[in-house]
N, C-alpha and C. Protein backbone atom coordinates (compact mmCIF):
# COMPACT_ATOMS: atom_id res chain seq x y z
N UNK A 1 0.86 -1.16 0.00
CA UNK A 1 0.00 0.00 0.00
C UNK A 1 0.91 1.23 0.00
N UNK A 2 0.64 2.13 -0.91
CA UNK A 2 1.41 3.38 -0.99
C UNK A 2 0.50 4.52 -0.61
N UNK A 3 1.00 5.40 0.27
CA UNK A 3 0.23 6.55 0.72
C UNK A 3 1.03 7.81 0.43
N UNK A 4 0.39 8.75 -0.25
CA UNK A 4 1.01 10.05 -0.52
C UNK A 4 0.05 11.13 -0.03
N UNK A 5 0.59 12.32 0.13
CA UNK A 5 -0.25 13.44 0.56
C UNK A 5 0.30 14.74 0.01
N UNK A 6 -0.57 15.71 0.02
CA UNK A 6 -0.16 17.06 -0.32
C UNK A 6 -0.53 17.93 0.86
N UNK A 7 0.42 18.43 1.62
CA UNK A 7 1.86 18.41 1.44
C UNK A 7 2.45 17.05 1.85
N UNK A 8 3.62 16.76 1.31
CA UNK A 8 4.29 15.53 1.70
C UNK A 8 4.91 15.72 3.09
N UNK A 9 5.26 14.63 3.72
CA UNK A 9 5.84 14.70 5.06
C UNK A 9 4.79 14.63 6.16
N UNK A 10 3.52 14.38 5.79
CA UNK A 10 2.45 14.29 6.78
C UNK A 10 2.54 12.95 7.51
N UNK A 11 2.17 12.94 8.78
CA UNK A 11 2.18 11.72 9.59
C UNK A 11 0.89 10.95 9.32
N UNK A 12 1.05 9.64 9.04
CA UNK A 12 -0.10 8.79 8.72
C UNK A 12 -0.29 7.78 9.85
N UNK A 13 -1.54 7.69 10.33
CA UNK A 13 -1.92 6.72 11.35
C UNK A 13 -3.02 5.85 10.75
N UNK A 14 -2.84 4.52 10.84
CA UNK A 14 -3.87 3.59 10.37
C UNK A 14 -4.30 2.72 11.53
N UNK A 15 -5.60 2.74 11.80
CA UNK A 15 -6.17 1.93 12.89
C UNK A 15 -5.41 2.16 14.19
N UNK A 16 -5.19 3.44 14.51
CA UNK A 16 -4.53 3.86 15.75
C UNK A 16 -3.08 3.42 15.86
N UNK A 17 -2.43 3.15 14.73
CA UNK A 17 -1.02 2.80 14.72
C UNK A 17 -0.30 3.71 13.72
N UNK A 18 0.67 4.47 14.22
CA UNK A 18 1.42 5.37 13.34
C UNK A 18 2.31 4.53 12.42
N UNK A 19 2.18 4.77 11.10
CA UNK A 19 2.96 3.96 10.16
C UNK A 19 4.06 4.74 9.45
N UNK A 20 4.09 6.06 9.60
CA UNK A 20 5.19 6.82 9.02
C UNK A 20 4.74 8.14 8.42
N UNK A 21 5.65 8.72 7.65
CA UNK A 21 5.40 10.01 6.98
C UNK A 21 5.33 9.80 5.48
N UNK A 22 4.46 10.58 4.85
CA UNK A 22 4.29 10.46 3.41
C UNK A 22 5.47 11.06 2.67
N UNK A 23 5.80 10.53 1.51
CA UNK A 23 5.24 9.34 0.87
C UNK A 23 5.79 8.08 1.55
N UNK A 24 4.94 7.06 1.66
CA UNK A 24 5.37 5.82 2.31
C UNK A 24 4.73 4.63 1.64
N UNK A 25 5.39 3.49 1.80
CA UNK A 25 4.86 2.23 1.31
C UNK A 25 4.92 1.25 2.46
N UNK A 26 3.81 0.55 2.69
CA UNK A 26 3.72 -0.41 3.78
C UNK A 26 2.94 -1.63 3.32
N UNK A 27 3.17 -2.75 3.96
CA UNK A 27 2.42 -3.97 3.67
C UNK A 27 1.07 -3.92 4.37
N UNK A 28 0.10 -4.60 3.80
CA UNK A 28 -1.18 -4.76 4.48
C UNK A 28 -1.58 -6.23 4.36
N UNK A 29 -2.26 -6.72 5.38
CA UNK A 29 -2.55 -8.15 5.42
C UNK A 29 -4.03 -8.49 5.26
N UNK A 30 -4.90 -7.49 5.29
CA UNK A 30 -6.32 -7.79 5.16
C UNK A 30 -7.02 -6.70 4.36
N UNK A 31 -8.13 -7.10 3.77
CA UNK A 31 -8.97 -6.17 3.03
C UNK A 31 -10.11 -5.74 3.94
N UNK A 32 -10.60 -4.56 3.72
CA UNK A 32 -11.68 -4.04 4.54
C UNK A 32 -11.57 -2.54 4.63
N UNK A 33 -12.03 -1.98 5.75
CA UNK A 33 -12.02 -0.53 5.95
C UNK A 33 -10.96 -0.18 6.98
N UNK A 34 -10.07 0.72 6.60
CA UNK A 34 -9.02 1.21 7.49
C UNK A 34 -9.39 2.60 8.00
N UNK A 35 -9.15 2.84 9.28
CA UNK A 35 -9.34 4.17 9.86
C UNK A 35 -8.02 4.91 9.68
N UNK A 36 -8.00 5.87 8.76
CA UNK A 36 -6.78 6.58 8.39
C UNK A 36 -6.85 8.02 8.88
N UNK A 37 -5.77 8.46 9.54
CA UNK A 37 -5.63 9.86 9.93
C UNK A 37 -4.32 10.38 9.35
N UNK A 38 -4.41 11.56 8.73
CA UNK A 38 -3.24 12.20 8.13
C UNK A 38 -3.15 13.60 8.73
N UNK A 39 -1.97 13.92 9.30
CA UNK A 39 -1.83 15.23 9.93
C UNK A 39 -0.47 15.84 9.61
N UNK A 40 -0.47 17.16 9.51
CA UNK A 40 0.76 17.92 9.27
C UNK A 40 0.59 19.28 9.93
N UNK A 41 1.70 19.87 10.42
CA UNK A 41 1.61 21.19 11.05
C UNK A 41 1.08 22.23 10.07
N UNK A 42 0.14 23.05 10.53
CA UNK A 42 -0.43 24.10 9.69
C UNK A 42 -1.58 23.62 8.82
N UNK A 43 -1.98 22.34 8.97
CA UNK A 43 -3.07 21.77 8.17
C UNK A 43 -4.07 21.08 9.08
N UNK A 44 -5.32 21.04 8.65
CA UNK A 44 -6.35 20.34 9.40
C UNK A 44 -6.09 18.84 9.33
N UNK A 45 -6.28 18.15 10.44
CA UNK A 45 -6.13 16.69 10.45
C UNK A 45 -7.25 16.08 9.63
N UNK A 46 -6.88 15.18 8.74
CA UNK A 46 -7.84 14.51 7.88
C UNK A 46 -8.10 13.11 8.43
N UNK A 47 -9.36 12.76 8.61
CA UNK A 47 -9.74 11.42 9.07
C UNK A 47 -10.64 10.81 8.02
N UNK A 48 -10.25 9.61 7.56
CA UNK A 48 -10.97 8.95 6.48
C UNK A 48 -11.17 7.48 6.84
N UNK A 49 -12.34 6.96 6.54
CA UNK A 49 -12.56 5.52 6.61
C UNK A 49 -12.30 5.01 5.20
N UNK A 50 -11.08 4.48 5.00
CA UNK A 50 -10.59 4.12 3.67
C UNK A 50 -10.89 2.66 3.36
N UNK A 51 -11.78 2.39 2.39
CA UNK A 51 -12.01 1.00 2.02
C UNK A 51 -10.84 0.48 1.17
N UNK A 52 -10.44 -0.73 1.45
CA UNK A 52 -9.41 -1.41 0.66
C UNK A 52 -10.07 -2.68 0.14
N UNK A 53 -10.44 -2.65 -1.12
CA UNK A 53 -11.20 -3.74 -1.72
C UNK A 53 -10.29 -4.83 -2.26
N UNK A 54 -10.79 -6.06 -2.18
CA UNK A 54 -10.00 -7.18 -2.67
C UNK A 54 -10.08 -7.26 -4.20
N UNK A 55 -8.99 -7.69 -4.84
CA UNK A 55 -8.99 -7.83 -6.30
C UNK A 55 -9.76 -9.07 -6.71
N UNK A 56 -10.07 -9.17 -7.99
CA UNK A 56 -10.89 -10.27 -8.48
C UNK A 56 -10.26 -11.63 -8.22
N UNK A 57 -8.94 -11.72 -8.22
CA UNK A 57 -8.30 -13.03 -8.06
C UNK A 57 -8.30 -13.52 -6.61
N UNK A 58 -8.82 -12.73 -5.70
CA UNK A 58 -8.95 -13.15 -4.31
C UNK A 58 -10.37 -13.61 -3.97
N UNK A 59 -11.30 -13.45 -4.90
CA UNK A 59 -12.70 -13.81 -4.66
C UNK A 59 -12.90 -15.30 -4.89
N UNK A 60 -13.47 -16.03 -3.93
CA UNK A 60 -13.73 -17.45 -4.14
C UNK A 60 -14.77 -17.62 -5.25
N UNK A 61 -14.70 -18.58 -6.12
CA UNK A 61 -13.72 -19.63 -6.29
C UNK A 61 -12.57 -19.24 -7.20
N UNK A 62 -12.56 -17.95 -7.65
CA UNK A 62 -11.48 -17.51 -8.55
C UNK A 62 -10.12 -17.59 -7.87
N UNK A 63 -10.08 -17.48 -6.54
CA UNK A 63 -8.81 -17.54 -5.82
C UNK A 63 -8.13 -18.89 -6.00
N UNK A 64 -8.91 -19.95 -6.13
CA UNK A 64 -8.35 -21.29 -6.34
C UNK A 64 -7.69 -21.37 -7.71
N UNK A 65 -8.33 -20.78 -8.71
CA UNK A 65 -7.75 -20.77 -10.07
C UNK A 65 -6.48 -19.92 -10.08
N UNK A 66 -6.50 -18.78 -9.38
CA UNK A 66 -5.33 -17.89 -9.37
C UNK A 66 -4.12 -18.55 -8.73
N UNK A 67 -4.34 -19.53 -7.84
CA UNK A 67 -3.22 -20.24 -7.21
C UNK A 67 -2.35 -20.93 -8.25
N UNK A 68 -2.92 -21.27 -9.39
CA UNK A 68 -2.18 -22.02 -10.41
C UNK A 68 -1.59 -21.14 -11.50
N UNK A 69 -1.74 -19.82 -11.38
CA UNK A 69 -1.11 -18.90 -12.34
C UNK A 69 0.41 -19.03 -12.22
N UNK A 70 1.12 -19.02 -13.35
CA UNK A 70 2.58 -19.11 -13.26
C UNK A 70 3.19 -17.91 -12.52
N UNK A 71 2.67 -16.72 -12.77
CA UNK A 71 3.13 -15.52 -12.07
C UNK A 71 1.99 -15.06 -11.18
N UNK A 72 2.13 -15.31 -9.87
CA UNK A 72 1.06 -14.93 -8.96
C UNK A 72 0.90 -13.42 -8.95
N UNK A 73 -0.33 -12.94 -9.11
CA UNK A 73 -0.55 -11.49 -9.10
C UNK A 73 -0.29 -10.89 -7.72
N UNK A 74 0.16 -9.66 -7.73
CA UNK A 74 0.40 -8.92 -6.49
C UNK A 74 -0.56 -7.74 -6.46
N UNK A 75 -1.18 -7.54 -5.32
CA UNK A 75 -2.12 -6.44 -5.18
C UNK A 75 -1.40 -5.24 -4.58
N UNK A 76 -1.42 -4.13 -5.30
CA UNK A 76 -0.82 -2.90 -4.83
C UNK A 76 -1.90 -1.82 -4.82
N UNK A 77 -2.06 -1.18 -3.68
CA UNK A 77 -3.04 -0.11 -3.53
C UNK A 77 -2.31 1.20 -3.33
N UNK A 78 -2.86 2.28 -3.90
CA UNK A 78 -2.29 3.62 -3.74
C UNK A 78 -3.40 4.58 -3.32
N UNK A 79 -3.08 5.41 -2.32
CA UNK A 79 -4.03 6.40 -1.83
C UNK A 79 -3.32 7.74 -1.70
N UNK A 80 -4.02 8.79 -2.13
CA UNK A 80 -3.47 10.15 -2.03
C UNK A 80 -4.47 11.01 -1.25
N UNK A 81 -3.94 11.79 -0.32
CA UNK A 81 -4.78 12.64 0.52
C UNK A 81 -4.34 14.09 0.39
N UNK A 82 -5.32 14.98 0.20
CA UNK A 82 -5.08 16.42 0.13
C UNK A 82 -5.46 17.03 1.48
N UNK A 83 -4.50 17.67 2.12
CA UNK A 83 -4.77 18.31 3.41
C UNK A 83 -5.15 19.77 3.18
N UNK A 84 -6.08 20.24 4.01
CA UNK A 84 -6.57 21.61 3.90
C UNK A 84 -5.83 22.49 4.91
N UNK A 85 -5.25 23.59 4.46
CA UNK A 85 -4.53 24.46 5.39
C UNK A 85 -5.47 25.04 6.46
N UNK A 86 -4.92 25.22 7.64
CA UNK A 86 -5.67 25.87 8.70
C UNK A 86 -5.69 27.35 8.37
N UNK A 87 -6.88 27.91 8.26
CA UNK A 87 -6.99 29.33 7.90
C UNK A 87 -6.69 30.22 9.08
N UNK A 88 -5.94 31.26 8.83
CA UNK A 88 -5.70 32.28 9.86
C UNK A 88 -6.79 33.32 9.68
N UNK A 89 -7.58 33.55 10.72
CA UNK A 89 -8.69 34.48 10.56
C UNK A 89 -8.20 35.89 10.20
N UNK A 90 -8.96 36.52 9.34
CA UNK A 90 -8.65 37.90 8.97
C UNK A 90 -8.82 38.78 10.20
N UNK A 91 -7.92 39.71 10.38
CA UNK A 91 -8.01 40.61 11.52
C UNK A 91 -8.23 42.03 11.02
N UNK A 92 -9.24 42.64 11.59
CA UNK A 92 -9.55 44.03 11.29
C UNK A 92 -8.84 44.87 12.35
N UNK A 93 -7.89 45.74 11.95
CA UNK A 93 -7.15 46.52 12.94
C UNK A 93 -8.05 47.36 13.85
N UNK A 94 -9.10 47.95 13.32
CA UNK A 94 -9.99 48.78 14.14
C UNK A 94 -10.71 47.92 15.19
N UNK A 95 -11.16 46.70 14.78
CA UNK A 95 -11.84 45.81 15.72
C UNK A 95 -10.86 45.32 16.78
N UNK A 96 -9.63 45.07 16.39
CA UNK A 96 -8.62 44.61 17.34
C UNK A 96 -8.33 45.71 18.37
N UNK A 97 -8.21 46.96 17.93
CA UNK A 97 -7.98 48.06 18.86
C UNK A 97 -9.16 48.24 19.80
N UNK A 98 -10.38 48.05 19.29
CA UNK A 98 -11.57 48.14 20.12
C UNK A 98 -11.58 47.07 21.21
N UNK A 99 -11.21 45.82 20.84
CA UNK A 99 -11.15 44.75 21.84
C UNK A 99 -10.06 45.01 22.86
N UNK A 100 -8.93 45.58 22.42
CA UNK A 100 -7.84 45.90 23.34
C UNK A 100 -8.28 46.96 24.35
N UNK A 101 -8.98 47.99 23.89
CA UNK A 101 -9.46 49.04 24.80
C UNK A 101 -10.47 48.47 25.79
N UNK A 102 -11.32 47.57 25.32
CA UNK A 102 -12.30 46.93 26.20
C UNK A 102 -11.61 46.11 27.28
N UNK A 103 -10.61 45.33 26.89
CA UNK A 103 -9.87 44.53 27.87
C UNK A 103 -9.11 45.41 28.86
N UNK A 104 -8.51 46.50 28.36
CA UNK A 104 -7.79 47.42 29.23
C UNK A 104 -8.75 48.00 30.27
N UNK A 105 -9.96 48.33 29.83
CA UNK A 105 -10.97 48.86 30.74
C UNK A 105 -11.35 47.84 31.81
N UNK A 106 -11.35 46.56 31.46
CA UNK A 106 -11.69 45.52 32.43
C UNK A 106 -10.55 45.29 33.43
N UNK A 107 -9.31 45.51 33.01
CA UNK A 107 -8.16 45.23 33.84
C UNK A 107 -7.78 46.39 34.76
N UNK A 108 -7.97 47.60 34.27
CA UNK A 108 -7.57 48.77 35.05
C UNK A 108 -8.64 49.09 36.09
N UNK A 109 -8.22 49.45 37.28
CA UNK A 109 -9.21 49.82 38.29
C UNK A 109 -9.87 51.14 37.91
N UNK A 110 -11.13 51.33 38.34
CA UNK A 110 -11.79 52.60 38.00
C UNK A 110 -11.08 53.76 38.67
N UNK A 111 -11.06 54.93 38.04
CA UNK A 111 -10.38 56.09 38.63
C UNK A 111 -11.05 56.49 39.95
N UNK A 112 -10.22 56.83 40.90
CA UNK A 112 -10.73 57.29 42.21
C UNK A 112 -10.76 58.80 42.24
N UNK A 113 -11.73 59.39 42.97
CA UNK A 113 -11.85 60.82 43.03
C UNK A 113 -11.64 61.32 44.42
């Protein structure tokens, strides 16, 4: 199984087990649904329930026929994940100054007369 991502270098976790950083290639032993998490600094963590379907030569009774092939087929799966950058909220300088004045008013004691 080959896993790539954009950006590359993201940490990949499958079924709660960290398997490495993209791009990576790892063995898999069963078909089904994998719980995949891909994370990188500055990007939203992506969580996917990734189905890994069996090829035709693994389906009974075809699997028995495939056993007699001279060159046994190899199943290779590839998955690519696009990570979404974490957005930095737009800041309005006037609104920021207003919030600062409000906080200053809350922190400073009222003037005494």
